[in-house]
Amino acid sequence: MKLSKNKSSDIDVVEKQLPMEVSLEVEGQKKGWFRRNRAKLAIGATALSLGTLAFNPLGDTAEKVKEVAPWVAPGMLVGEAMWIGGAAMMLAATGSEVGKNPLKIKDRIPEIAQKANNSNMFKAGFVINTVGAVGEFVIPAIAVTRELPVESWGILGFSLLDLGVTIAVRKAIYDGVAENSITLPESETI
């Protein structure tokens, strides 16, 4: 909350600043039930799937996890490295420093979206980042759907939620590119 003085009178005005996601009003209409409860649904599906796995023979499930671990773990590491590397390229293209700890780059996504530009380096970073983010969903999804019973597929609830956030972030960055792109008049184009 922030306290500000109203210029027309001496009354203190208290304003609540909420992030856009917290507000339940979107252009005068209430968000749908599914949009408001998607995180709860993901948690519920994941918990339900973990419960069904508990009733399956754990030795069988553990054996299947060991079977896919040699390709899932490296795939996830490559996806995360691509995500961080692409985000670092986008930050560098905007003229910002990556910083000492590139693992904290995820906290700087709003900065990337705000300063997004149309340079080739930014575009390459965007593509690499997107491939890494989608890969972090696809690799476990393939492992779960190939190796675990159908009733356990709800484990992918968090992954689907993460994919939804990935798409929303990409849209924000894309909108930043469109907003910050300079269009030259035809007489000035090269």
C-alpha atoms as a PDB file:
ATOM      1  CA  MET A   1       0.000   0.000   0.000  1.00  0.00           C
ATOM      2  CA  LYS A   2       1.166   3.509  -0.596  1.00  0.00           C
ATOM      3  CA  LEU A   3       0.101   6.722   1.058  1.00  0.00           C
ATOM      4  CA  SER A   4      -0.202   9.815  -1.124  1.00  0.00           C
ATOM      5  CA  LYS A   5      -1.485  13.366  -0.708  1.00  0.00           C
ATOM      6  CA  ASN A   6      -4.414  14.409  -2.815  1.00  0.00           C
ATOM      7  CA  LYS A   7      -3.428  17.725  -4.456  1.00  0.00           C
ATOM      8  CA  SER A   8      -6.956  19.152  -4.438  1.00  0.00           C
ATOM      9  CA  SER A   9      -7.370  18.711  -0.686  1.00  0.00           C
ATOM     10  CA  ASP A  10      -5.425  17.812   2.406  1.00  0.00           C
ATOM     11  CA  ILE A  11      -6.945  14.318   2.600  1.00  0.00           C
ATOM     12  CA  ASP A  12      -4.564  11.370   2.642  1.00  0.00           C
ATOM     13  CA  VAL A  13      -5.431   8.785   0.027  1.00  0.00           C
ATOM     14  CA  VAL A  14      -4.493   5.157   0.523  1.00  0.00           C
ATOM     15  CA  GLU A  15      -4.008   3.229  -2.699  1.00  0.00           C
ATOM     16  CA  LYS A  16      -3.638  -0.515  -2.954  1.00  0.00           C
ATOM     17  CA  GLN A  17      -1.367  -1.625  -5.749  1.00  0.00           C
ATOM     18  CA  LEU A  18      -2.037  -5.191  -6.782  1.00  0.00           C
ATOM     19  CA  PRO A  19      -0.347  -7.121  -9.536  1.00  0.00           C
ATOM     20  CA  MET A  20      -2.551  -7.715 -12.555  1.00  0.00           C
ATOM     21  CA  GLU A  21      -2.836 -11.442 -11.796  1.00  0.00           C
ATOM     22  CA  VAL A  22      -4.348 -10.789  -8.359  1.00  0.00           C
ATOM     23  CA  SER A  23      -7.228  -8.698  -9.639  1.00  0.00           C
ATOM     24  CA  LEU A  24     -10.354 -10.698 -10.439  1.00  0.00           C
ATOM     25  CA  GLU A  25     -11.672  -8.039 -12.810  1.00  0.00           C
ATOM     26  CA  VAL A  26     -10.612  -8.097 -16.450  1.00  0.00           C
ATOM     27  CA  GLU A  27     -12.071  -5.305 -18.550  1.00  0.00           C
ATOM     28  CA  GLY A  28     -15.180  -5.197 -16.379  1.00  0.00           C
ATOM     29  CA  GLN A  29     -15.795  -8.963 -16.463  1.00  0.00           C
ATOM     30  CA  LYS A  30     -14.947 -11.516 -13.810  1.00  0.00           C
ATOM     31  CA  LYS A  31     -12.380 -14.123 -14.728  1.00  0.00           C
ATOM     32  CA  GLY A  32     -13.720 -17.616 -15.246  1.00  0.00           C
ATOM     33  CA  TRP A  33     -13.702 -20.193 -12.499  1.00  0.00           C
ATOM     34  CA  PHE A  34     -10.953 -22.220 -14.197  1.00  0.00           C
ATOM     35  CA  ARG A  35      -8.605 -19.220 -14.519  1.00  0.00           C
ATOM     36  CA  ARG A  36      -9.069 -18.319 -10.855  1.00  0.00           C
ATOM     37  CA  ASN A  37      -8.482 -21.882  -9.635  1.00  0.00           C
ATOM     38  CA  ARG A  38      -5.878 -23.254 -12.054  1.00  0.00           C
ATOM     39  CA  ALA A  39      -3.115 -23.481  -9.423  1.00  0.00           C
ATOM     40  CA  LYS A  40      -5.435 -25.351  -7.042  1.00  0.00           C
ATOM     41  CA  LEU A  41      -6.403 -27.726  -9.842  1.00  0.00           C
ATOM     42  CA  ALA A  42      -2.736 -28.392 -10.672  1.00  0.00           C
ATOM     43  CA  ILE A  43      -1.951 -29.099  -7.013  1.00  0.00           C
ATOM     44  CA  GLY A  44      -5.001 -31.360  -6.696  1.00  0.00           C
ATOM     45  CA  ALA A  45      -4.188 -33.336  -9.856  1.00  0.00           C
ATOM     46  CA  THR A  46      -0.594 -33.767  -8.751  1.00  0.00           C
ATOM     47  CA  ALA A  47      -1.610 -34.921  -5.256  1.00  0.00           C
ATOM     48  CA  LEU A  48      -4.184 -37.335  -6.667  1.00  0.00           C
ATOM     49  CA  SER A  49      -1.613 -38.820  -9.048  1.00  0.00           C
ATOM     50  CA  LEU A  50       0.954 -39.205  -6.300  1.00  0.00           C
ATOM     51  CA  GLY A  51      -1.710 -41.000  -4.282  1.00  0.00           C
ATOM     52  CA  THR A  52      -2.363 -43.464  -7.082  1.00  0.00           C
ATOM     53  CA  LEU A  53       1.349 -44.087  -7.441  1.00  0.00           C
ATOM     54  CA  ALA A  54       1.512 -44.938  -3.752  1.00  0.00           C
ATOM     55  CA  PHE A  55      -0.929 -47.803  -4.310  1.00  0.00           C
ATOM     56  CA  ASN A  56       1.057 -49.206  -7.238  1.00  0.00           C
ATOM     57  CA  PRO A  57       3.936 -51.484  -6.408  1.00  0.00           C
ATOM     58  CA  LEU A  58       6.657 -48.997  -5.466  1.00  0.00           C
ATOM     59  CA  GLY A  59       9.394 -51.302  -6.688  1.00  0.00           C
ATOM     60  CA  ASP A  60       7.882 -51.208 -10.185  1.00  0.00           C
ATOM     61  CA  THR A  61       7.569 -47.399 -10.165  1.00  0.00           C
ATOM     62  CA  ALA A  62      11.078 -46.951  -8.788  1.00  0.00           C
ATOM     63  CA  GLU A  63      12.395 -49.262 -11.503  1.00  0.00           C
ATOM     64  CA  LYS A  64      10.672 -47.198 -14.202  1.00  0.00           C
ATOM     65  CA  VAL A  65      12.087 -43.961 -12.776  1.00  0.00           C
ATOM     66  CA  LYS A  66      15.585 -45.476 -12.813  1.00  0.00           C
ATOM     67  CA  GLU A  67      15.003 -46.513 -16.395  1.00  0.00           C
ATOM     68  CA  VAL A  68      14.227 -42.997 -17.648  1.00  0.00           C
ATOM     69  CA  ALA A  69      16.579 -41.043 -15.360  1.00  0.00           C
ATOM     70  CA  PRO A  70      19.612 -41.351 -17.697  1.00  0.00           C
ATOM     71  CA  TRP A  71      17.870 -39.298 -20.380  1.00  0.00           C
ATOM     72  CA  VAL A  72      15.429 -37.182 -18.355  1.00  0.00           C
ATOM     73  CA  ALA A  73      17.982 -35.640 -15.964  1.00  0.00           C
ATOM     74  CA  PRO A  74      20.433 -34.498 -18.694  1.00  0.00           C
ATOM     75  CA  GLY A  75      17.518 -33.303 -20.820  1.00  0.00           C
ATOM     76  CA  MET A  76      16.210 -31.177 -17.966  1.00  0.00           C
ATOM     77  CA  LEU A  77      19.689 -29.761 -17.334  1.00  0.00           C
ATOM     78  CA  VAL A  78      20.084 -28.871 -21.022  1.00  0.00           C
ATOM     79  CA  GLY A  79      16.630 -27.246 -21.017  1.00  0.00           C
ATOM     80  CA  GLU A  80      17.482 -25.170 -17.950  1.00  0.00           C
ATOM     81  CA  ALA A  81      20.855 -24.169 -19.421  1.00  0.00           C
ATOM     82  CA  MET A  82      19.129 -23.090 -22.639  1.00  0.00           C
ATOM     83  CA  TRP A  83      16.556 -21.125 -20.642  1.00  0.00           C
ATOM     84  CA  ILE A  84      19.238 -19.270 -18.679  1.00  0.00           C
ATOM     85  CA  GLY A  85      21.513 -18.797 -21.709  1.00  0.00           C
ATOM     86  CA  GLY A  86      18.691 -17.404 -23.838  1.00  0.00           C
ATOM     87  CA  ALA A  87      17.592 -15.047 -21.068  1.00  0.00           C
ATOM     88  CA  ALA A  88      21.208 -13.875 -20.662  1.00  0.00           C
ATOM     89  CA  MET A  89      21.403 -13.194 -24.404  1.00  0.00           C
ATOM     90  CA  MET A  90      18.169 -11.187 -24.254  1.00  0.00           C
ATOM     91  CA  LEU A  91      19.453  -9.183 -21.275  1.00  0.00           C
ATOM     92  CA  ALA A  92      22.741  -8.480 -23.046  1.00  0.00           C
ATOM     93  CA  ALA A  93      20.839  -7.390 -26.180  1.00  0.00           C
ATOM     94  CA  THR A  94      18.908  -4.836 -24.116  1.00  0.00           C
ATOM     95  CA  GLY A  95      22.132  -3.357 -22.804  1.00  0.00           C
ATOM     96  CA  SER A  96      21.746  -4.722 -19.282  1.00  0.00           C
ATOM     97  CA  GLU A  97      24.378  -6.675 -17.406  1.00  0.00           C
ATOM     98  CA  VAL A  98      23.667 -10.323 -16.690  1.00  0.00           C
ATOM     99  CA  GLY A  99      25.065 -10.044 -13.190  1.00  0.00           C
ATOM    100  CA  LYS A 100      27.279 -12.244 -11.064  1.00  0.00           C
ATOM    101  CA  ASN A 101      24.753 -15.036 -10.547  1.00  0.00           C
ATOM    102  CA  PRO A 102      23.005 -16.048 -13.784  1.00  0.00           C
ATOM    103  CA  LEU A 103      20.774 -18.436 -11.818  1.00  0.00           C
ATOM    104  CA  LYS A 104      18.894 -15.388 -10.486  1.00  0.00           C
ATOM    105  CA  ILE A 105      18.091 -14.261 -14.011  1.00  0.00           C
ATOM    106  CA  LYS A 106      14.505 -15.533 -13.691  1.00  0.00           C
ATOM    107  CA  ASP A 107      13.765 -12.639 -11.354  1.00  0.00           C
ATOM    108  CA  ARG A 108      14.631 -10.234 -14.178  1.00  0.00           C
ATOM    109  CA  ILE A 109      12.011 -11.364 -16.709  1.00  0.00           C
ATOM    110  CA  PRO A 110       9.926  -8.171 -16.235  1.00  0.00           C
ATOM    111  CA  GLU A 111      13.038  -6.124 -17.049  1.00  0.00           C
ATOM    112  CA  ILE A 112      13.612  -8.187 -20.198  1.00  0.00           C
ATOM    113  CA  ALA A 113       9.997  -7.721 -21.294  1.00  0.00           C
ATOM    114  CA  GLN A 114      10.141  -3.986 -20.655  1.00  0.00           C
ATOM    115  CA  LYS A 115      13.416  -3.441 -22.538  1.00  0.00           C
ATOM    116  CA  ALA A 116      12.785  -5.992 -25.323  1.00  0.00           C
ATOM    117  CA  ASN A 117      14.056  -4.982 -28.732  1.00  0.00           C
ATOM    118  CA  ASN A 118      14.113  -6.291 -32.277  1.00  0.00           C
ATOM    119  CA  SER A 119      17.837  -7.036 -32.554  1.00  0.00           C
ATOM    120  CA  ASN A 120      19.097 -10.325 -33.958  1.00  0.00           C
ATOM    121  CA  MET A 121      20.794 -11.168 -30.646  1.00  0.00           C
ATOM    122  CA  PHE A 122      17.541 -10.616 -28.767  1.00  0.00           C
ATOM    123  CA  LYS A 123      15.632 -12.788 -31.263  1.00  0.00           C
ATOM    124  CA  ALA A 124      18.209 -15.590 -30.980  1.00  0.00           C
ATOM    125  CA  GLY A 125      18.081 -15.418 -27.168  1.00  0.00           C
ATOM    126  CA  PHE A 126      14.283 -15.468 -27.285  1.00  0.00           C
ATOM    127  CA  VAL A 127      14.257 -18.618 -29.437  1.00  0.00           C
ATOM    128  CA  ILE A 128      16.879 -20.396 -27.303  1.00  0.00           C
ATOM    129  CA  ASN A 129      15.050 -19.415 -24.106  1.00  0.00           C
ATOM    130  CA  THR A 130      11.715 -20.598 -25.473  1.00  0.00           C
ATOM    131  CA  VAL A 131      13.126 -23.945 -26.654  1.00  0.00           C
ATOM    132  CA  GLY A 132      14.663 -24.474 -23.213  1.00  0.00           C
ATOM    133  CA  ALA A 133      11.418 -23.597 -21.432  1.00  0.00           C
ATOM    134  CA  VAL A 134       9.279 -25.849 -23.618  1.00  0.00           C
ATOM    135  CA  GLY A 135      11.884 -28.630 -23.336  1.00  0.00           C
ATOM    136  CA  GLU A 136      11.535 -28.532 -19.558  1.00  0.00           C
ATOM    137  CA  PHE A 137       7.876 -29.472 -20.065  1.00  0.00           C
ATOM    138  CA  VAL A 138       8.207 -31.903 -22.966  1.00  0.00           C
ATOM    139  CA  ILE A 139      10.954 -34.112 -21.521  1.00  0.00           C
ATOM    140  CA  PRO A 140       9.183 -35.033 -18.255  1.00  0.00           C
ATOM    141  CA  ALA A 141       5.863 -35.284 -20.123  1.00  0.00           C
ATOM    142  CA  ILE A 142       7.339 -37.901 -22.451  1.00  0.00           C
ATOM    143  CA  ALA A 143       8.851 -39.792 -19.529  1.00  0.00           C
ATOM    144  CA  VAL A 144       5.629 -39.788 -17.512  1.00  0.00           C
ATOM    145  CA  THR A 145       3.367 -40.752 -20.406  1.00  0.00           C
ATOM    146  CA  ARG A 146       5.715 -43.515 -21.615  1.00  0.00           C
ATOM    147  CA  GLU A 147       6.624 -45.100 -18.313  1.00  0.00           C
ATOM    148  CA  LEU A 148       3.998 -44.399 -15.660  1.00  0.00           C
ATOM    149  CA  PRO A 149       0.388 -45.616 -15.521  1.00  0.00           C
ATOM    150  CA  VAL A 150      -2.333 -43.370 -16.961  1.00  0.00           C
ATOM    151  CA  GLU A 151      -3.776 -42.586 -13.532  1.00  0.00           C
ATOM    152  CA  SER A 152      -0.476 -40.944 -12.571  1.00  0.00           C
ATOM    153  CA  TRP A 153      -0.411 -38.480 -15.456  1.00  0.00           C
ATOM    154  CA  GLY A 154      -1.862 -35.810 -13.174  1.00  0.00           C
ATOM    155  CA  ILE A 155       1.719 -35.341 -11.977  1.00  0.00           C
ATOM    156  CA  LEU A 156       2.049 -33.189 -15.059  1.00  0.00           C
ATOM    157  CA  GLY A 157      -0.291 -30.607 -13.470  1.00  0.00           C
ATOM    158  CA  PHE A 158       2.603 -28.462 -12.271  1.00  0.00           C
ATOM    159  CA  SER A 159       4.362 -28.859 -15.593  1.00  0.00           C
ATOM    160  CA  LEU A 160       1.248 -27.702 -17.442  1.00  0.00           C
ATOM    161  CA  LEU A 161       0.957 -24.732 -15.104  1.00  0.00           C
ATOM    162  CA  ASP A 162       4.603 -23.903 -15.800  1.00  0.00           C
ATOM    163  CA  LEU A 163       3.954 -24.195 -19.537  1.00  0.00           C
ATOM    164  CA  GLY A 164       1.076 -21.746 -19.175  1.00  0.00           C
ATOM    165  CA  VAL A 165       3.364 -19.287 -17.405  1.00  0.00           C
ATOM    166  CA  THR A 166       5.957 -19.842 -20.139  1.00  0.00           C
ATOM    167  CA  ILE A 167       3.435 -18.891 -22.807  1.00  0.00           C
ATOM    168  CA  ALA A 168       2.317 -15.810 -20.845  1.00  0.00           C
ATOM    169  CA  VAL A 169       5.922 -14.669 -20.359  1.00  0.00           C
ATOM    170  CA  ARG A 170       6.672 -15.142 -24.066  1.00  0.00           C
ATOM    171  CA  LYS A 171       3.639 -13.041 -24.924  1.00  0.00           C
ATOM    172  CA  ALA A 172       4.799 -10.270 -22.572  1.00  0.00           C
ATOM    173  CA  ILE A 173       8.260 -10.311 -24.137  1.00  0.00           C
ATOM    174  CA  TYR A 174       6.795 -10.369 -27.652  1.00  0.00           C
ATOM    175  CA  ASP A 175       4.566  -7.413 -26.753  1.00  0.00           C
ATOM    176  CA  GLY A 176       7.657  -5.602 -25.437  1.00  0.00           C
ATOM    177  CA  VAL A 177       9.424  -6.170 -28.760  1.00  0.00           C
ATOM    178  CA  ALA A 178       6.406  -4.814 -30.651  1.00  0.00           C
ATOM    179  CA  GLU A 179       6.146  -1.819 -28.329  1.00  0.00           C
ATOM    180  CA  ASN A 180       9.842  -0.940 -28.417  1.00  0.00           C
ATOM    181  CA  SER A 181      10.407  -1.562 -32.133  1.00  0.00           C
ATOM    182  CA  ILE A 182      11.080   1.563 -34.104  1.00  0.00           C
ATOM    183  CA  THR A 183       9.470   1.688 -37.515  1.00  0.00           C
ATOM    184  CA  LEU A 184      11.299   3.949 -39.917  1.00  0.00           C
ATOM    185  CA  PRO A 185       9.482   5.880 -42.622  1.00  0.00           C
ATOM    186  CA  GLU A 186       9.959   4.430 -46.115  1.00  0.00           C
ATOM    187  CA  SER A 187      12.336   7.251 -47.060  1.00  0.00           C
ATOM    188  CA  GLU A 188      14.698   6.265 -44.210  1.00  0.00           C
ATOM    189  CA  THR A 189      14.764   2.497 -44.697  1.00  0.00           C
ATOM    190  CA  ILE A 190      18.021   0.991 -45.788  1.00  0.00           C
END
